[in-house]
Amino acid sequence: MAMEEHEKKAFDFAADLTKQLITLATSIVTFSLAFSDHFPKQSRLARDAWFFYLISILFGLWTLMALTGTLAPTGGAATDFTLKWNVRLPSLLQILSFGIAVLLTISFVGFWWH
């Protein structure tokens, strides 16, 4: 059974969102680590934010693997291309951990700035 156009779009959008969040998380961690010598050494908020960005990246990789597994299952030809919980769960966890990391980053910048 071939994929319908809306199914192709759903997979494309899911993969694109996942890749964008991985890219943003990686960029934020890289940028902040490059300038970490300017931060207070005892900043727990920054370390917690980096941790949640890393978790977000890992959940993003899990999501991409789940998307690949849905499109190319090991047991033969796929007939159902809907995005199920094998994709939705890691995607939801990626978005939540990224959101927590952003809130921690904002909190850190707010405390550090004053």
N, C-alpha and C. Protein backbone atom coordinates (compact mmCIF):
# COMPACT_ATOMS: atom_id res chain seq x y z
N MET A 1 0.85 -1.18 0.00
CA MET A 1 0.00 0.00 0.00
C MET A 1 0.90 1.25 0.00
N ALA A 2 0.65 2.14 -0.89
CA ALA A 2 1.45 3.36 -1.01
C ALA A 2 0.97 4.42 -0.01
N MET A 3 1.90 5.29 0.33
CA MET A 3 1.56 6.38 1.24
C MET A 3 0.73 7.43 0.53
N GLU A 4 -0.27 7.93 1.24
CA GLU A 4 -1.05 9.03 0.70
C GLU A 4 -0.30 10.34 0.95
N GLU A 5 -0.70 11.38 0.25
CA GLU A 5 0.00 12.66 0.32
C GLU A 5 0.01 13.24 1.74
N HIS A 6 -1.12 13.16 2.45
CA HIS A 6 -1.16 13.71 3.81
C HIS A 6 -0.28 12.90 4.76
N GLU A 7 -0.11 11.62 4.52
CA GLU A 7 0.79 10.80 5.34
C GLU A 7 2.24 11.19 5.09
N LYS A 8 2.57 11.44 3.83
CA LYS A 8 3.93 11.90 3.50
C LYS A 8 4.22 13.22 4.19
N LYS A 9 3.24 14.14 4.14
CA LYS A 9 3.43 15.45 4.78
C LYS A 9 3.60 15.31 6.28
N ALA A 10 2.80 14.42 6.90
CA ALA A 10 2.91 14.22 8.36
C ALA A 10 4.30 13.72 8.73
N PHE A 11 4.84 12.78 7.96
CA PHE A 11 6.18 12.28 8.22
C PHE A 11 7.23 13.37 8.00
N ASP A 12 7.07 14.12 6.93
CA ASP A 12 8.02 15.20 6.64
C ASP A 12 8.02 16.25 7.75
N PHE A 13 6.83 16.67 8.18
CA PHE A 13 6.74 17.69 9.23
C PHE A 13 7.29 17.17 10.55
N ALA A 14 6.99 15.91 10.89
CA ALA A 14 7.51 15.32 12.13
C ALA A 14 9.04 15.26 12.10
N ALA A 15 9.58 14.82 10.98
CA ALA A 15 11.05 14.73 10.85
C ALA A 15 11.67 16.12 10.88
N ASP A 16 11.07 17.08 10.19
CA ASP A 16 11.61 18.44 10.17
C ASP A 16 11.60 19.09 11.55
N LEU A 17 10.48 18.95 12.28
CA LEU A 17 10.41 19.51 13.63
C LEU A 17 11.47 18.88 14.52
N THR A 18 11.60 17.57 14.42
CA THR A 18 12.60 16.86 15.24
C THR A 18 14.00 17.35 14.93
N LYS A 19 14.32 17.48 13.65
CA LYS A 19 15.66 17.94 13.26
C LYS A 19 15.91 19.39 13.69
N GLN A 20 14.88 20.23 13.61
CA GLN A 20 15.03 21.62 14.03
C GLN A 20 15.32 21.72 15.53
N LEU A 21 14.61 20.92 16.33
CA LEU A 21 14.85 20.96 17.77
C LEU A 21 16.23 20.39 18.12
N ILE A 22 16.66 19.36 17.41
CA ILE A 22 18.01 18.84 17.62
C ILE A 22 19.05 19.91 17.29
N THR A 23 18.85 20.59 16.17
CA THR A 23 19.78 21.63 15.75
C THR A 23 19.81 22.79 16.75
N LEU A 24 18.64 23.23 17.18
CA LEU A 24 18.58 24.33 18.16
C LEU A 24 19.23 23.94 19.48
N ALA A 25 18.92 22.75 19.98
CA ALA A 25 19.50 22.31 21.25
C ALA A 25 21.02 22.20 21.14
N THR A 26 21.50 21.62 20.06
CA THR A 26 22.94 21.49 19.86
C THR A 26 23.60 22.86 19.76
N SER A 27 22.98 23.76 19.03
CA SER A 27 23.54 25.11 18.87
C SER A 27 23.58 25.87 20.18
N ILE A 28 22.51 25.79 20.95
CA ILE A 28 22.45 26.51 22.22
C ILE A 28 23.51 25.98 23.18
N VAL A 29 23.63 24.65 23.26
CA VAL A 29 24.64 24.05 24.15
C VAL A 29 26.04 24.45 23.69
N THR A 30 26.30 24.36 22.39
CA THR A 30 27.63 24.72 21.86
C THR A 30 27.96 26.18 22.14
N PHE A 31 27.01 27.06 21.86
CA PHE A 31 27.23 28.49 22.07
C PHE A 31 27.45 28.80 23.55
N SER A 32 26.60 28.22 24.40
CA SER A 32 26.73 28.53 25.82
C SER A 32 27.99 27.92 26.43
N LEU A 33 28.41 26.75 25.96
CA LEU A 33 29.65 26.17 26.45
C LEU A 33 30.86 26.97 25.98
N ALA A 34 30.77 27.55 24.79
CA ALA A 34 31.88 28.36 24.28
C ALA A 34 32.12 29.58 25.16
N PHE A 35 31.04 30.11 25.75
CA PHE A 35 31.15 31.29 26.60
C PHE A 35 30.94 30.97 28.06
N SER A 36 31.06 29.70 28.43
CA SER A 36 30.78 29.31 29.82
C SER A 36 31.79 29.88 30.81
N ASP A 37 32.96 30.27 30.33
CA ASP A 37 33.94 30.86 31.25
C ASP A 37 33.47 32.22 31.78
N HIS A 38 32.47 32.82 31.16
CA HIS A 38 31.93 34.09 31.61
C HIS A 38 30.78 33.90 32.60
N PHE A 39 30.34 32.64 32.79
CA PHE A 39 29.24 32.36 33.70
C PHE A 39 29.79 32.08 35.10
N PRO A 40 28.97 32.30 36.10
CA PRO A 40 29.38 31.89 37.44
C PRO A 40 29.59 30.37 37.47
N LYS A 41 30.66 29.93 38.10
CA LYS A 41 31.01 28.51 38.12
C LYS A 41 29.97 27.67 38.84
N GLN A 42 29.25 28.23 39.78
CA GLN A 42 28.31 27.46 40.58
C GLN A 42 26.90 27.44 39.99
N SER A 43 26.74 27.79 38.75
CA SER A 43 25.42 27.92 38.17
C SER A 43 24.77 26.56 37.90
N ARG A 44 23.92 26.18 38.81
CA ARG A 44 23.18 24.93 38.67
C ARG A 44 22.14 25.04 37.55
N LEU A 45 21.56 26.21 37.38
CA LEU A 45 20.56 26.40 36.32
C LEU A 45 21.15 26.11 34.94
N ALA A 46 22.35 26.57 34.69
CA ALA A 46 22.99 26.34 33.39
C ALA A 46 23.26 24.85 33.18
N ARG A 47 23.77 24.19 34.22
CA ARG A 47 24.03 22.74 34.10
C ARG A 47 22.74 21.97 33.87
N ASP A 48 21.68 22.34 34.58
CA ASP A 48 20.39 21.67 34.40
C ASP A 48 19.85 21.91 32.99
N ALA A 49 20.00 23.12 32.49
CA ALA A 49 19.55 23.42 31.12
C ALA A 49 20.32 22.58 30.11
N TRP A 50 21.65 22.48 30.27
CA TRP A 50 22.44 21.66 29.36
C TRP A 50 22.00 20.20 29.41
N PHE A 51 21.70 19.72 30.62
CA PHE A 51 21.22 18.34 30.77
C PHE A 51 19.93 18.13 29.99
N PHE A 52 18.97 19.04 30.13
CA PHE A 52 17.69 18.88 29.43
C PHE A 52 17.84 19.06 27.92
N TYR A 53 18.77 19.91 27.47
CA TYR A 53 19.04 20.00 26.03
C TYR A 53 19.60 18.66 25.53
N LEU A 54 20.50 18.05 26.29
CA LEU A 54 21.05 16.75 25.90
C LEU A 54 19.95 15.69 25.84
N ILE A 55 19.08 15.69 26.84
CA ILE A 55 17.97 14.74 26.85
C ILE A 55 17.07 14.98 25.64
N SER A 56 16.82 16.23 25.31
CA SER A 56 16.01 16.58 24.15
C SER A 56 16.64 16.04 22.86
N ILE A 57 17.95 16.17 22.75
CA ILE A 57 18.66 15.65 21.57
C ILE A 57 18.50 14.13 21.49
N LEU A 58 18.65 13.45 22.61
CA LEU A 58 18.51 11.99 22.61
C LEU A 58 17.10 11.55 22.25
N PHE A 59 16.09 12.24 22.79
CA PHE A 59 14.71 11.92 22.42
C PHE A 59 14.46 12.22 20.94
N GLY A 60 15.11 13.25 20.41
CA GLY A 60 14.98 13.56 18.99
C GLY A 60 15.56 12.45 18.13
N LEU A 61 16.70 11.92 18.52
CA LEU A 61 17.28 10.80 17.78
C LEU A 61 16.38 9.58 17.85
N TRP A 62 15.78 9.35 19.02
CA TRP A 62 14.83 8.24 19.17
C TRP A 62 13.64 8.45 18.23
N THR A 63 13.15 9.68 18.14
CA THR A 63 12.02 9.97 17.26
C THR A 63 12.38 9.69 15.81
N LEU A 64 13.56 10.13 15.39
CA LEU A 64 13.97 9.88 14.00
C LEU A 64 14.11 8.39 13.72
N MET A 65 14.62 7.64 14.69
CA MET A 65 14.72 6.19 14.51
C MET A 65 13.33 5.56 14.44
N ALA A 66 12.39 6.05 15.24
CA ALA A 66 11.03 5.53 15.22
C ALA A 66 10.35 5.84 13.88
N LEU A 67 10.60 7.05 13.36
CA LEU A 67 10.05 7.38 12.04
C LEU A 67 10.61 6.45 10.97
N THR A 68 11.89 6.19 11.03
CA THR A 68 12.52 5.29 10.07
C THR A 68 11.95 3.89 10.20
N GLY A 69 11.78 3.42 11.44
CA GLY A 69 11.22 2.10 11.65
C GLY A 69 9.79 1.98 11.18
N THR A 70 9.04 3.07 11.25
CA THR A 70 7.66 3.05 10.77
C THR A 70 7.63 2.99 9.25
N LEU A 71 8.55 3.69 8.61
CA LEU A 71 8.59 3.68 7.14
C LEU A 71 9.20 2.41 6.57
N ALA A 72 10.12 1.80 7.29
CA ALA A 72 10.81 0.61 6.80
C ALA A 72 10.89 -0.44 7.90
N PRO A 73 9.76 -1.09 8.23
CA PRO A 73 9.78 -2.08 9.30
C PRO A 73 10.60 -3.31 8.91
N THR A 74 11.13 -4.00 9.90
CA THR A 74 11.98 -5.16 9.64
C THR A 74 11.19 -6.37 9.19
N GLY A 75 9.92 -6.44 9.49
CA GLY A 75 9.12 -7.63 9.18
C GLY A 75 8.54 -7.67 7.78
N GLY A 76 8.84 -6.74 6.95
CA GLY A 76 8.29 -6.75 5.59
C GLY A 76 7.70 -5.42 5.21
N ALA A 77 6.83 -5.45 4.26
CA ALA A 77 6.23 -4.23 3.73
C ALA A 77 5.28 -3.60 4.73
N ALA A 78 5.39 -2.30 4.91
CA ALA A 78 4.50 -1.57 5.81
C ALA A 78 3.18 -1.30 5.11
N THR A 79 2.10 -1.44 5.87
CA THR A 79 0.80 -1.13 5.31
C THR A 79 0.12 0.02 6.02
N ASP A 80 0.55 0.31 7.24
CA ASP A 80 -0.05 1.38 8.03
C ASP A 80 1.02 2.43 8.33
N PHE A 81 0.88 3.60 7.72
CA PHE A 81 1.90 4.63 7.86
C PHE A 81 1.49 5.74 8.84
N THR A 82 0.55 5.46 9.71
CA THR A 82 0.15 6.49 10.67
C THR A 82 1.20 6.64 11.76
N LEU A 83 1.28 7.84 12.30
CA LEU A 83 2.22 8.13 13.38
C LEU A 83 1.60 7.67 14.69
N LYS A 84 2.11 6.57 15.22
CA LYS A 84 1.57 6.00 16.45
C LYS A 84 2.46 6.39 17.62
N TRP A 85 2.20 5.78 18.78
CA TRP A 85 2.91 6.14 20.00
C TRP A 85 4.39 5.81 19.95
N ASN A 86 4.81 4.92 19.05
CA ASN A 86 6.24 4.66 18.94
C ASN A 86 6.99 5.89 18.43
N VAL A 87 6.27 6.78 17.75
CA VAL A 87 6.84 8.06 17.29
C VAL A 87 6.38 9.20 18.19
N ARG A 88 5.12 9.17 18.58
CA ARG A 88 4.55 10.28 19.35
C ARG A 88 5.19 10.43 20.73
N LEU A 89 5.47 9.30 21.40
CA LEU A 89 6.05 9.38 22.75
C LEU A 89 7.42 10.04 22.75
N PRO A 90 8.38 9.56 21.95
CA PRO A 90 9.69 10.25 22.00
C PRO A 90 9.60 11.69 21.50
N SER A 91 8.70 11.96 20.55
CA SER A 91 8.55 13.33 20.07
C SER A 91 8.01 14.23 21.17
N LEU A 92 7.01 13.75 21.90
CA LEU A 92 6.45 14.52 23.02
C LEU A 92 7.52 14.75 24.08
N LEU A 93 8.29 13.72 24.40
CA LEU A 93 9.35 13.86 25.40
C LEU A 93 10.44 14.82 24.93
N GLN A 94 10.73 14.81 23.63
CA GLN A 94 11.71 15.76 23.10
C GLN A 94 11.23 17.19 23.27
N ILE A 95 9.98 17.43 22.90
CA ILE A 95 9.43 18.79 22.99
C ILE A 95 9.37 19.25 24.44
N LEU A 96 8.93 18.37 25.35
CA LEU A 96 8.86 18.74 26.77
C LEU A 96 10.24 19.04 27.35
N SER A 97 11.21 18.18 27.06
CA SER A 97 12.55 18.42 27.61
C SER A 97 13.18 19.67 27.01
N PHE A 98 12.92 19.94 25.73
CA PHE A 98 13.41 21.17 25.12
C PHE A 98 12.77 22.38 25.79
N GLY A 99 11.46 22.31 26.04
CA GLY A 99 10.77 23.41 26.71
C GLY A 99 11.29 23.67 28.10
N ILE A 100 11.55 22.59 28.86
CA ILE A 100 12.12 22.74 30.20
C ILE A 100 13.51 23.38 30.11
N ALA A 101 14.30 22.94 29.14
CA ALA A 101 15.64 23.50 28.97
C ALA A 101 15.58 24.99 28.64
N VAL A 102 14.64 25.37 27.79
CA VAL A 102 14.50 26.79 27.44
C VAL A 102 14.10 27.61 28.68
N LEU A 103 13.17 27.09 29.47
CA LEU A 103 12.76 27.80 30.69
C LEU A 103 13.93 27.93 31.67
N LEU A 104 14.72 26.87 31.80
CA LEU A 104 15.90 26.94 32.67
C LEU A 104 16.92 27.94 32.14
N THR A 105 17.07 27.99 30.83
CA THR A 105 18.00 28.95 30.21
C THR A 105 17.54 30.38 30.46
N ILE A 106 16.26 30.61 30.30
CA ILE A 106 15.71 31.95 30.55
C ILE A 106 15.89 32.33 32.02
N SER A 107 15.64 31.38 32.92
CA SER A 107 15.83 31.64 34.34
C SER A 107 17.29 31.95 34.65
N PHE A 108 18.19 31.15 34.06
CA PHE A 108 19.61 31.38 34.28
C PHE A 108 20.04 32.76 33.79
N VAL A 109 19.62 33.11 32.60
CA VAL A 109 19.99 34.42 32.04
C VAL A 109 19.42 35.54 32.90
N GLY A 110 18.20 35.37 33.37
CA GLY A 110 17.58 36.38 34.23
C GLY A 110 18.34 36.56 35.53
N PHE A 111 18.74 35.46 36.18
CA PHE A 111 19.51 35.54 37.43
C PHE A 111 20.92 36.04 37.18
N TRP A 112 21.52 35.59 36.11
CA TRP A 112 22.90 35.94 35.81
C TRP A 112 23.02 37.41 35.42
N TRP A 113 22.02 37.92 34.71
CA TRP A 113 22.05 39.27 34.20
C TRP A 113 22.01 40.30 35.32
N HIS A 114 21.33 39.97 36.40
CA HIS A 114 21.18 40.95 37.49
C HIS A 114 22.32 40.94 38.43
